[in-house]
PDB file of N, CA and C in Angstrom:
ATOM      1  N   MET A   1      23.182 135.144 118.419  1.00  0.00           N
ATOM      2  CA  MET A   1      23.750 134.956 117.090  1.00  0.00           C
ATOM      3  C   MET A   1      24.348 133.558 117.023  1.00  0.00           C
ATOM      4  N   MET A   2      23.996 132.829 115.991  1.00  0.00           N
ATOM      5  CA  MET A   2      24.469 131.465 115.833  1.00  0.00           C
ATOM      6  C   MET A   2      25.512 131.429 114.716  1.00  0.00           C
ATOM      7  N   ILE A   3      26.607 130.751 114.954  1.00  0.00           N
ATOM      8  CA  ILE A   3      27.686 130.657 113.970  1.00  0.00           C
ATOM      9  C   ILE A   3      27.581 129.301 113.291  1.00  0.00           C
ATOM     10  N   ASP A   4      27.595 129.304 111.995  1.00  0.00           N
ATOM     11  CA  ASP A   4      27.524 128.062 111.209  1.00  0.00           C
ATOM     12  C   ASP A   4      28.953 127.574 110.960  1.00  0.00           C
ATOM     13  N   LEU A   5      29.413 126.654 111.823  1.00  0.00           N
ATOM     14  CA  LEU A   5      30.787 126.167 111.714  1.00  0.00           C
ATOM     15  C   LEU A   5      31.031 125.390 110.434  1.00  0.00           C
ATOM     16  N   ASN A   6      30.041 124.659 109.943  1.00  0.00           N
ATOM     17  CA  ASN A   6      30.216 123.926 108.683  1.00  0.00           C
ATOM     18  C   ASN A   6      30.492 124.880 107.539  1.00  0.00           C
ATOM     19  N   ARG A   7      29.779 125.972 107.511  1.00  0.00           N
ATOM     20  CA  ARG A   7      29.979 126.962 106.452  1.00  0.00           C
ATOM     21  C   ARG A   7      31.349 127.622 106.576  1.00  0.00           C
ATOM     22  N   MET A   8      31.757 127.927 107.802  1.00  0.00           N
ATOM     23  CA  MET A   8      33.073 128.537 108.018  1.00  0.00           C
ATOM     24  C   MET A   8      34.189 127.575 107.627  1.00  0.00           C
ATOM     25  N   THR A   9      34.032 126.306 107.986  1.00  0.00           N
ATOM     26  CA  THR A   9      35.045 125.307 107.658  1.00  0.00           C
ATOM     27  C   THR A   9      35.157 125.135 106.155  1.00  0.00           C
ATOM     28  N   LEU A  10      34.013 125.054 105.472  1.00  0.00           N
ATOM     29  CA  LEU A  10      34.022 124.925 104.018  1.00  0.00           C
ATOM     30  C   LEU A  10      34.682 126.134 103.379  1.00  0.00           C
ATOM     31  N   GLY A  11      34.325 127.321 103.850  1.00  0.00           N
ATOM     32  CA  GLY A  11      34.912 128.544 103.295  1.00  0.00           C
ATOM     33  C   GLY A  11      36.410 128.590 103.499  1.00  0.00           C
ATOM     34  N   ALA A  12      36.864 128.202 104.684  1.00  0.00           N
ATOM     35  CA  ALA A  12      38.306 128.193 104.960  1.00  0.00           C
ATOM     36  C   ALA A  12      39.005 127.146 104.110  1.00  0.00           C
ATOM     37  N   GLY A  13      38.363 125.995 103.938  1.00  0.00           N
ATOM     38  CA  GLY A  13      38.954 124.937 103.108  1.00  0.00           C
ATOM     39  C   GLY A  13      39.094 125.368 101.670  1.00  0.00           C
ATOM     40  N   LEU A  14      38.053 125.994 101.133  1.00  0.00           N
ATOM     41  CA  LEU A  14      38.106 126.464  99.746  1.00  0.00           C
ATOM     42  C   LEU A  14      39.148 127.562  99.573  1.00  0.00           C
ATOM     43  N   ALA A  15      39.239 128.441 100.553  1.00  0.00           N
ATOM     44  CA  ALA A  15      40.251 129.501 100.480  1.00  0.00           C
ATOM     45  C   ALA A  15      41.650 128.894 100.513  1.00  0.00           C
ATOM     46  N   GLY A  16      41.847 127.880 101.342  1.00  0.00           N
ATOM     47  CA  GLY A  16      43.145 127.209 101.408  1.00  0.00           C
ATOM     48  C   GLY A  16      43.510 126.523 100.113  1.00  0.00           C
ATOM     49  N   ILE A  17      42.525 125.873  99.499  1.00  0.00           N
ATOM     50  CA  ILE A  17      42.763 125.206  98.217  1.00  0.00           C
ATOM     51  C   ILE A  17      43.128 126.229  97.150  1.00  0.00           C
ATOM     52  N   ALA A  18      42.402 127.337  97.126  1.00  0.00           N
ATOM     53  CA  ALA A  18      42.692 128.381  96.147  1.00  0.00           C
ATOM     54  C   ALA A  18      44.098 128.942  96.348  1.00  0.00           C
ATOM     55  N   LEU A  19      44.490 129.134  97.606  1.00  0.00           N
ATOM     56  CA  LEU A  19      45.830 129.640  97.891  1.00  0.00           C
ATOM     57  C   LEU A  19      46.897 128.649  97.439  1.00  0.00           C
ATOM     58  N   LEU A  20      46.710 127.377  97.767  1.00  0.00           N
ATOM     59  CA  LEU A  20      47.677 126.366  97.351  1.00  0.00           C
ATOM     60  C   LEU A  20      47.754 126.264  95.839  1.00  0.00           C
ATOM     61  N   ALA A  21      46.625 126.329  95.184  1.00  0.00           N
ATOM     62  CA  ALA A  21      46.624 126.239  93.725  1.00  0.00           C
ATOM     63  C   ALA A  21      47.387 127.397  93.102  1.00  0.00           C
ATOM     64  N   SER A  22      47.352 128.541  93.744  1.00  0.00           N
ATOM     65  CA  SER A  22      48.021 129.701  93.159  1.00  0.00           C
ATOM     66  C   SER A  22      49.518 129.722  93.411  1.00  0.00           C
ATOM     67  N   VAL A  23      50.003 129.029  94.450  1.00  0.00           N
ATOM     68  CA  VAL A  23      51.427 129.089  94.748  1.00  0.00           C
ATOM     69  C   VAL A  23      52.143 127.750  94.668  1.00  0.00           C
ATOM     70  N   ALA A  24      51.432 126.649  94.729  1.00  0.00           N
ATOM     71  CA  ALA A  24      52.095 125.350  94.823  1.00  0.00           C
ATOM     72  C   ALA A  24      52.881 124.998  93.571  1.00  0.00           C
ATOM     73  N   ARG A  25      52.289 125.157  92.422  1.00  0.00           N
ATOM     74  CA  ARG A  25      52.972 124.765  91.196  1.00  0.00           C
ATOM     75  C   ARG A  25      52.519 125.720  90.089  1.00  0.00           C
ATOM     76  N   PRO A  26      53.319 126.729  89.798  1.00  0.00           N
ATOM     77  CA  PRO A  26      52.914 127.662  88.760  1.00  0.00           C
ATOM     78  C   PRO A  26      52.844 126.982  87.398  1.00  0.00           C
ATOM     79  N   ALA A  27      51.872 127.355  86.619  1.00  0.00           N
ATOM     80  CA  ALA A  27      51.722 126.790  85.281  1.00  0.00           C
ATOM     81  C   ALA A  27      52.635 127.554  84.341  1.00  0.00           C
ATOM     82  N   VAL A  28      53.820 127.022  84.136  1.00  0.00           N
ATOM     83  CA  VAL A  28      54.799 127.719  83.315  1.00  0.00           C
ATOM     84  C   VAL A  28      54.898 127.134  81.911  1.00  0.00           C
ATOM     85  N   ALA A  29      54.326 125.990  81.719  1.00  0.00           N
ATOM     86  CA  ALA A  29      54.386 125.354  80.408  1.00  0.00           C
ATOM     87  C   ALA A  29      53.013 125.413  79.753  1.00  0.00           C
ATOM     88  N   ASP A  30      53.007 125.224  78.479  1.00  0.00           N
ATOM     89  CA  ASP A  30      51.756 125.137  77.746  1.00  0.00           C
ATOM     90  C   ASP A  30      51.988 124.147  76.616  1.00  0.00           C
ATOM     91  N   GLN A  31      51.109 124.124  75.675  1.00  0.00           N
ATOM     92  CA  GLN A  31      51.276 123.220  74.541  1.00  0.00           C
ATOM     93  C   GLN A  31      52.605 123.474  73.842  1.00  0.00           C
ATOM     94  N   GLY A  32      53.123 124.681  73.973  1.00  0.00           N
ATOM     95  CA  GLY A  32      54.400 125.018  73.350  1.00  0.00           C
ATOM     96  C   GLY A  32      55.549 124.150  73.825  1.00  0.00           C
ATOM     97  N   ALA A  33      55.564 123.782  75.114  1.00  0.00           N
ATOM     98  CA  ALA A  33      56.622 122.924  75.631  1.00  0.00           C
ATOM     99  C   ALA A  33      56.545 121.544  74.999  1.00  0.00           C
ATOM    100  N   VAL A  34      55.338 121.017  74.872  1.00  0.00           N
ATOM    101  CA  VAL A  34      55.159 119.698  74.255  1.00  0.00           C
ATOM    102  C   VAL A  34      55.542 119.760  72.777  1.00  0.00           C
ATOM    103  N   ASP A  35      55.169 120.845  72.120  1.00  0.00           N
ATOM    104  CA  ASP A  35      55.542 121.009  70.708  1.00  0.00           C
ATOM    105  C   ASP A  35      57.060 121.119  70.554  1.00  0.00           C
ATOM    106  N   THR A  36      57.715 121.803  71.496  1.00  0.00           N
ATOM    107  CA  THR A  36      59.178 121.901  71.466  1.00  0.00           C
ATOM    108  C   THR A  36      59.804 120.522  71.612  1.00  0.00           C
ATOM    109  N   LEU A  37      59.266 119.713  72.527  1.00  0.00           N
ATOM    110  CA  LEU A  37      59.791 118.356  72.699  1.00  0.00           C
ATOM    111  C   LEU A  37      59.650 117.553  71.414  1.00  0.00           C
ATOM    112  N   ARG A  38      58.498 117.669  70.772  1.00  0.00           N
ATOM    113  CA  ARG A  38      58.265 116.940  69.521  1.00  0.00           C
ATOM    114  C   ARG A  38      59.255 117.405  68.446  1.00  0.00           C
ATOM    115  N   ALA A  39      59.442 118.706  68.318  1.00  0.00           N
ATOM    116  CA  ALA A  39      60.332 119.258  67.289  1.00  0.00           C
ATOM    117  C   ALA A  39      61.796 118.892  67.563  1.00  0.00           C
ATOM    118  N   GLU A  40      62.228 119.031  68.798  1.00  0.00           N
ATOM    119  CA  GLU A  40      63.619 118.700  69.134  1.00  0.00           C
ATOM    120  C   GLU A  40      63.874 117.203  69.002  1.00  0.00           C
ATOM    121  N   CYS A  41      62.883 116.402  69.283  1.00  0.00           N
ATOM    122  CA  CYS A  41      63.013 114.959  69.099  1.00  0.00           C
ATOM    123  C   CYS A  41      63.316 114.656  67.630  1.00  0.00           C
ATOM    124  N   ALA A  42      62.566 115.302  66.751  1.00  0.00           N
ATOM    125  CA  ALA A  42      62.758 115.070  65.323  1.00  0.00           C
ATOM    126  C   ALA A  42      64.159 115.483  64.872  1.00  0.00           C
ATOM    127  N   ILE A  43      64.705 116.512  65.503  1.00  0.00           N
ATOM    128  CA  ILE A  43      66.033 117.004  65.142  1.00  0.00           C
ATOM    129  C   ILE A  43      67.139 116.157  65.771  1.00  0.00           C
ATOM    130  N   GLN A  44      66.984 115.798  67.048  1.00  0.00           N
ATOM    131  CA  GLN A  44      68.075 115.199  67.808  1.00  0.00           C
ATOM    132  C   GLN A  44      68.075 113.673  67.871  1.00  0.00           C
ATOM    133  N   LEU A  45      66.915 113.063  67.712  1.00  0.00           N
ATOM    134  CA  LEU A  45      66.820 111.609  67.875  1.00  0.00           C
ATOM    135  C   LEU A  45      66.401 110.953  66.563  1.00  0.00           C
ATOM    136  N   ASN A  46      66.752 109.742  66.384  1.00  0.00           N
ATOM    137  CA  ASN A  46      66.402 109.003  65.176  1.00  0.00           C
ATOM    138  C   ASN A  46      65.197 108.100  65.473  1.00  0.00           C
ATOM    139  N   LEU A  47      64.070 108.717  65.837  1.00  0.00           N
ATOM    140  CA  LEU A  47      62.893 107.947  66.233  1.00  0.00           C
ATOM    141  C   LEU A  47      61.763 107.975  65.210  1.00  0.00           C
ATOM    142  N   GLY A  48      61.759 108.932  64.341  1.00  0.00           N
ATOM    143  CA  GLY A  48      60.648 109.068  63.415  1.00  0.00           C
ATOM    144  C   GLY A  48      59.469 109.756  64.071  1.00  0.00           C
ATOM    145  N   ALA A  49      58.461 110.038  63.279  1.00  0.00           N
ATOM    146  CA  ALA A  49      57.298 110.793  63.763  1.00  0.00           C
ATOM    147  C   ALA A  49      56.567 110.060  64.881  1.00  0.00           C
ATOM    148  N   GLY A  50      56.404 108.752  64.752  1.00  0.00           N
ATOM    149  CA  GLY A  50      55.695 107.988  65.775  1.00  0.00           C
ATOM    150  C   GLY A  50      56.405 108.018  67.124  1.00  0.00           C
ATOM    151  N   GLY A  51      57.712 107.873  67.101  1.00  0.00           N
ATOM    152  CA  GLY A  51      58.489 107.921  68.347  1.00  0.00           C
ATOM    153  C   GLY A  51      58.449 109.292  68.984  1.00  0.00           C
ATOM    154  N   CYS A  52      58.523 110.327  68.156  1.00  0.00           N
ATOM    155  CA  CYS A  52      58.482 111.694  68.688  1.00  0.00           C
ATOM    156  C   CYS A  52      57.095 112.034  69.214  1.00  0.00           C
ATOM    157  N   ASP A  53      56.053 111.545  68.548  1.00  0.00           N
ATOM    158  CA  ASP A  53      54.698 111.723  69.074  1.00  0.00           C
ATOM    159  C   ASP A  53      54.561 111.032  70.419  1.00  0.00           C
ATOM    160  N   CYS A  54      55.143 109.851  70.546  1.00  0.00           N
ATOM    161  CA  CYS A  54      55.126 109.110  71.807  1.00  0.00           C
ATOM    162  C   CYS A  54      55.777 109.925  72.920  1.00  0.00           C
ATOM    163  N   ILE A  55      56.926 110.512  72.646  1.00  0.00           N
ATOM    164  CA  ILE A  55      57.625 111.319  73.651  1.00  0.00           C
ATOM    165  C   ILE A  55      56.768 112.513  74.055  1.00  0.00           C
ATOM    166  N   ALA A  56      56.204 113.211  73.074  1.00  0.00           N
ATOM    167  CA  ALA A  56      55.381 114.388  73.367  1.00  0.00           C
ATOM    168  C   ALA A  56      54.135 114.009  74.162  1.00  0.00           C
ATOM    169  N   GLU A  57      53.469 112.943  73.759  1.00  0.00           N
ATOM    170  CA  GLU A  57      52.256 112.509  74.458  1.00  0.00           C
ATOM    171  C   GLU A  57      52.578 112.029  75.869  1.00  0.00           C
ATOM    172  N   THR A  58      53.689 111.350  76.038  1.00  0.00           N
ATOM    173  CA  THR A  58      54.097 110.881  77.361  1.00  0.00           C
ATOM    174  C   THR A  58      54.412 112.066  78.262  1.00  0.00           C
ATOM    175  N   ALA A  59      55.091 113.063  77.729  1.00  0.00           N
ATOM    176  CA  ALA A  59      55.390 114.265  78.511  1.00  0.00           C
ATOM    177  C   ALA A  59      54.103 114.948  78.952  1.00  0.00           C
ATOM    178  N   ALA A  60      53.161 115.065  78.032  1.00  0.00           N
ATOM    179  CA  ALA A  60      51.899 115.737  78.352  1.00  0.00           C
ATOM    180  C   ALA A  60      51.113 114.995  79.423  1.00  0.00           C
ATOM    181  N   SER A  61      51.216 113.674  79.438  1.00  0.00           N
ATOM    182  CA  SER A  61      50.418 112.906  80.397  1.00  0.00           C
ATOM    183  C   SER A  61      51.141 112.589  81.699  1.00  0.00           C
ATOM    184  N   GLU A  62      52.467 112.567  81.692  1.00  0.00           N
ATOM    185  CA  GLU A  62      53.207 112.128  82.878  1.00  0.00           C
ATOM    186  C   GLU A  62      53.954 113.233  83.612  1.00  0.00           C
ATOM    187  N   LEU A  63      54.218 114.347  82.945  1.00  0.00           N
ATOM    188  CA  LEU A  63      54.997 115.416  83.570  1.00  0.00           C
ATOM    189  C   LEU A  63      54.104 116.593  83.927  1.00  0.00           C
ATOM    190  N   SER A  64      54.467 117.274  85.003  1.00  0.00           N
ATOM    191  CA  SER A  64      53.786 118.514  85.364  1.00  0.00           C
ATOM    192  C   SER A  64      54.159 119.596  84.345  1.00  0.00           C
ATOM    193  N   ASP A  65      53.456 120.703  84.394  1.00  0.00           N
ATOM    194  CA  ASP A  65      53.780 121.814  83.501  1.00  0.00           C
ATOM    195  C   ASP A  65      55.229 122.268  83.698  1.00  0.00           C
ATOM    196  N   ALA A  66      55.656 122.355  84.950  1.00  0.00           N
ATOM    197  CA  ALA A  66      57.029 122.792  85.228  1.00  0.00           C
ATOM    198  C   ALA A  66      58.040 121.790  84.676  1.00  0.00           C
ATOM    199  N   GLN A  67      57.763 120.511  84.831  1.00  0.00           N
ATOM    200  CA  GLN A  67      58.670 119.490  84.305  1.00  0.00           C
ATOM    201  C   GLN A  67      58.715 119.541  82.783  1.00  0.00           C
ATOM    202  N   GLN A  68      57.570 119.743  82.140  1.00  0.00           N
ATOM    203  CA  GLN A  68      57.547 119.870  80.681  1.00  0.00           C
ATOM    204  C   GLN A  68      58.391 121.066  80.248  1.00  0.00           C
ATOM    205  N   ALA A  69      58.224 122.179  80.946  1.00  0.00           N
ATOM    206  CA  ALA A  69      58.986 123.386  80.601  1.00  0.00           C
ATOM    207  C   ALA A  69      60.482 123.159  80.794  1.00  0.00           C
ATOM    208  N   LEU A  70      60.852 122.460  81.868  1.00  0.00           N
ATOM    209  CA  LEU A  70      62.264 122.185  82.129  1.00  0.00           C
ATOM    210  C   LEU A  70      62.859 121.298  81.046  1.00  0.00           C
ATOM    211  N   VAL A  71      62.180 120.215  80.712  1.00  0.00           N
ATOM    212  CA  VAL A  71      62.691 119.302  79.685  1.00  0.00           C
ATOM    213  C   VAL A  71      62.789 120.024  78.342  1.00  0.00           C
ATOM    214  N   ALA A  72      61.777 120.812  77.995  1.00  0.00           N
ATOM    215  CA  ALA A  72      61.810 121.558  76.733  1.00  0.00           C
ATOM    216  C   ALA A  72      62.982 122.534  76.710  1.00  0.00           C
ATOM    217  N   ALA A  73      63.213 123.219  77.824  1.00  0.00           N
ATOM    218  CA  ALA A  73      64.335 124.163  77.891  1.00  0.00           C
ATOM    219  C   ALA A  73      65.672 123.430  77.787  1.00  0.00           C
ATOM    220  N   MET A  74      65.760 122.276  78.435  1.00  0.00           N
ATOM    221  CA  MET A  74      67.021 121.529  78.407  1.00  0.00           C
ATOM    222  C   MET A  74      67.326 120.986  77.018  1.00  0.00           C
ATOM    223  N   VAL A  75      66.329 120.423  76.348  1.00  0.00           N
ATOM    224  CA  VAL A  75      66.607 119.845  75.026  1.00  0.00           C
ATOM    225  C   VAL A  75      66.845 120.924  73.976  1.00  0.00           C
ATOM    226  N   SER A  76      66.304 122.119  74.201  1.00  0.00           N
ATOM    227  CA  SER A  76      66.556 123.210  73.254  1.00  0.00           C
ATOM    228  C   SER A  76      67.737 124.071  73.694  1.00  0.00           C
ATOM    229  N   GLN A  77      68.438 123.631  74.746  1.00  0.00           N
ATOM    230  CA  GLN A  77      69.640 124.277  75.262  1.00  0.00           C
ATOM    231  C   GLN A  77      69.404 125.724  75.686  1.00  0.00           C
ATOM    232  N   ASP A  78      68.230 125.983  76.254  1.00  0.00           N
ATOM    233  CA  ASP A  78      67.886 127.301  76.786  1.00  0.00           C
ATOM    234  C   ASP A  78      68.210 127.290  78.279  1.00  0.00           C
ATOM    235  N   GLN A  79      69.470 127.556  78.602  1.00  0.00           N
ATOM    236  CA  GLN A  79      69.947 127.441  79.975  1.00  0.00           C
ATOM    237  C   GLN A  79      69.280 128.442  80.919  1.00  0.00           C
ATOM    238  N   ALA A  80      68.994 129.631  80.442  1.00  0.00           N
ATOM    239  CA  ALA A  80      68.376 130.643  81.301  1.00  0.00           C
ATOM    240  C   ALA A  80      66.976 130.202  81.738  1.00  0.00           C
ATOM    241  N   THR A  81      66.184 129.719  80.780  1.00  0.00           N
ATOM    242  CA  THR A  81      64.847 129.248  81.122  1.00  0.00           C
ATOM    243  C   THR A  81      64.920 128.019  82.005  1.00  0.00           C
ATOM    244  N   ALA A  82      65.829 127.113  81.708  1.00  0.00           N
ATOM    245  CA  ALA A  82      65.981 125.904  82.521  1.00  0.00           C
ATOM    246  C   ALA A  82      66.298 126.284  83.975  1.00  0.00           C
ATOM    247  N   ALA A  83      67.183 127.237  84.170  1.00  0.00           N
ATOM    248  CA  ALA A  83      67.547 127.664  85.529  1.00  0.00           C
ATOM    249  C   ALA A  83      66.359 128.302  86.237  1.00  0.00           C
ATOM    250  N   THR A  84      65.610 129.119  85.519  1.00  0.00           N
ATOM    251  CA  THR A  84      64.445 129.767  86.113  1.00  0.00           C
ATOM    252  C   THR A  84      63.397 128.744  86.527  1.00  0.00           C
ATOM    253  N   VAL A  85      63.111 127.813  85.647  1.00  0.00           N
ATOM    254  CA  VAL A  85      62.111 126.787  85.944  1.00  0.00           C
ATOM    255  C   VAL A  85      62.586 125.905  87.086  1.00  0.00           C
ATOM    256  N   ARG A  86      63.839 125.495  87.029  1.00  0.00           N
ATOM    257  CA  ARG A  86      64.413 124.620  88.057  1.00  0.00           C
ATOM    258  C   ARG A  86      64.349 125.252  89.444  1.00  0.00           C
ATOM    259  N   SER A  87      64.497 126.570  89.513  1.00  0.00           N
ATOM    260  CA  SER A  87      64.512 127.249  90.813  1.00  0.00           C
ATOM    261  C   SER A  87      63.182 127.127  91.552  1.00  0.00           C
ATOM    262  N   GLY A  88      62.106 126.848  90.833  1.00  0.00           N
ATOM    263  CA  GLY A  88      60.805 126.697  91.477  1.00  0.00           C
ATOM    264  C   GLY A  88      60.379 125.261  91.675  1.00  0.00           C
ATOM    265  N   MET A  89      61.298 124.329  91.454  1.00  0.00           N
ATOM    266  CA  MET A  89      60.954 122.907  91.521  1.00  0.00           C
ATOM    267  C   MET A  89      61.662 122.229  92.693  1.00  0.00           C
ATOM    268  N   SER A  90      61.074 121.141  93.153  1.00  0.00           N
ATOM    269  CA  SER A  90      61.715 120.328  94.189  1.00  0.00           C
ATOM    270  C   SER A  90      62.766 119.426  93.533  1.00  0.00           C
ATOM    271  N   VAL A  91      63.640 118.882  94.352  1.00  0.00           N
ATOM    272  CA  VAL A  91      64.658 117.950  93.853  1.00  0.00           C
ATOM    273  C   VAL A  91      63.976 116.745  93.210  1.00  0.00           C
ATOM    274  N   GLN A  92      62.902 116.274  93.812  1.00  0.00           N
ATOM    275  CA  GLN A  92      62.191 115.120  93.256  1.00  0.00           C
ATOM    276  C   GLN A  92      61.619 115.430  91.874  1.00  0.00           C
ATOM    277  N   GLU A  93      61.036 116.615  91.696  1.00  0.00           N
ATOM    278  CA  GLU A  93      60.490 116.989  90.391  1.00  0.00           C
ATOM    279  C   GLU A  93      61.586 117.060  89.333  1.00  0.00           C
ATOM    280  N   ILE A  94      62.727 117.616  89.703  1.00  0.00           N
ATOM    281  CA  ILE A  94      63.851 117.716  88.771  1.00  0.00           C
ATOM    282  C   ILE A  94      64.355 116.317  88.419  1.00  0.00           C
ATOM    283  N   SER A  95      64.459 115.459  89.417  1.00  0.00           N
ATOM    284  CA  SER A  95      64.913 114.081  89.182  1.00  0.00           C
ATOM    285  C   SER A  95      63.957 113.333  88.257  1.00  0.00           C
ATOM    286  N   GLU A  96      62.667 113.516  88.472  1.00  0.00           N
ATOM    287  CA  GLU A  96      61.675 112.861  87.613  1.00  0.00           C
ATOM    288  C   GLU A  96      61.796 113.348  86.167  1.00  0.00           C
ATOM    289  N   ALA A  97      62.026 114.645  85.993  1.00  0.00           N
ATOM    290  CA  ALA A  97      62.200 115.196  84.646  1.00  0.00           C
ATOM    291  C   ALA A  97      63.454 114.617  83.994  1.00  0.00           C
ATOM    292  N   ALA A  98      64.530 114.498  84.757  1.00  0.00           N
ATOM    293  CA  ALA A  98      65.769 113.927  84.227  1.00  0.00           C
ATOM    294  C   ALA A  98      65.571 112.463  83.841  1.00  0.00           C
ATOM    295  N   MET A  99      64.875 111.717  84.666  1.00  0.00           N
ATOM    296  CA  MET A  99      64.624 110.307  84.364  1.00  0.00           C
ATOM    297  C   MET A  99      63.714 110.168  83.142  1.00  0.00           C
ATOM    298  N   PHE A 100      62.807 111.107  82.964  1.00  0.00           N
ATOM    299  CA  PHE A 100      61.983 111.121  81.761  1.00  0.00           C
ATOM    300  C   PHE A 100      62.874 111.218  80.534  1.00  0.00           C
ATOM    301  N   MET A 101      63.876 112.108  80.597  1.00  0.00           N
ATOM    302  CA  MET A 101      64.776 112.310  79.462  1.00  0.00           C
ATOM    303  C   MET A 101      65.614 111.062  79.177  1.00  0.00           C
ATOM    304  N   VAL A 102      65.926 110.297  80.199  1.00  0.00           N
ATOM    305  CA  VAL A 102      66.726 109.084  80.029  1.00  0.00           C
ATOM    306  C   VAL A 102      65.863 107.929  79.523  1.00  0.00           C
ATOM    307  N   ASN A 103      64.714 107.732  80.148  1.00  0.00           N
ATOM    308  CA  ASN A 103      63.923 106.520  79.899  1.00  0.00           C
ATOM    309  C   ASN A 103      62.920 106.603  78.750  1.00  0.00           C
ATOM    310  N   THR A 104      62.310 107.743  78.545  1.00  0.00           N
ATOM    311  CA  THR A 104      61.213 107.820  77.579  1.00  0.00           C
ATOM    312  C   THR A 104      61.657 107.593  76.136  1.00  0.00           C
ATOM    313  N   PRO A 105      62.781 108.153  75.681  1.00  0.00           N
ATOM    314  CA  PRO A 105      63.183 107.848  74.297  1.00  0.00           C
ATOM    315  C   PRO A 105      63.370 106.350  74.062  1.00  0.00           C
ATOM    316  N   LYS A 106      63.949 105.655  75.022  1.00  0.00           N
ATOM    317  CA  LYS A 106      64.120 104.200  74.894  1.00  0.00           C
ATOM    318  C   LYS A 106      62.767 103.502  74.831  1.00  0.00           C
ATOM    319  N   ARG A 107      61.881 103.910  75.725  1.00  0.00           N
ATOM    320  CA  ARG A 107      60.544 103.306  75.780  1.00  0.00           C
ATOM    321  C   ARG A 107      59.768 103.566  74.491  1.00  0.00           C
ATOM    322  N   CYS A 108      59.856 104.779  73.981  1.00  0.00           N
ATOM    323  CA  CYS A 108      59.125 105.123  72.755  1.00  0.00           C
ATOM    324  C   CYS A 108      59.752 104.474  71.521  1.00  0.00           C
ATOM    325  N   ALA A 109      61.060 104.297  71.524  1.00  0.00           N
ATOM    326  CA  ALA A 109      61.726 103.644  70.392  1.00  0.00           C
ATOM    327  C   ALA A 109      61.330 102.179  70.298  1.00  0.00           C
ATOM    328  N   ALA A 110      61.017 101.586  71.435  1.00  0.00           N
ATOM    329  CA  ALA A 110      60.664 100.164  71.477  1.00  0.00           C
ATOM    330  C   ALA A 110      59.247  99.891  70.983  1.00  0.00           C
ATOM    331  N   GLN A 111      58.472 100.927  70.807  1.00  0.00           N
ATOM    332  CA  GLN A 111      57.082 100.735  70.371  1.00  0.00           C
ATOM    333  C   GLN A 111      56.968 100.605  68.881  1.00  0.00           C
TER     334      GLN A 111
END
């Protein structure tokens, strides 16, 4: 009986990728988080539609789903959701989300 090590290695690699994809970063956000950011921007910031679109588009392209969900929960003052999302994130991910909240409105206002 001959064992095909290439096939076994590929199978193990694919199984590992599937496992990591299922546990590494849960998809907790959807378009709703980006829409929340756009809506809260319009309410809380004096940026206009273009600035708020910039914030929403930047969030969609630069933040992970978890970071989008965290920022949306924070700006809408949903502390329970923010705590739940934060509990599954690394310190670096949380820091990046916080820096997004500090820097992106300024960057989008300048456009």
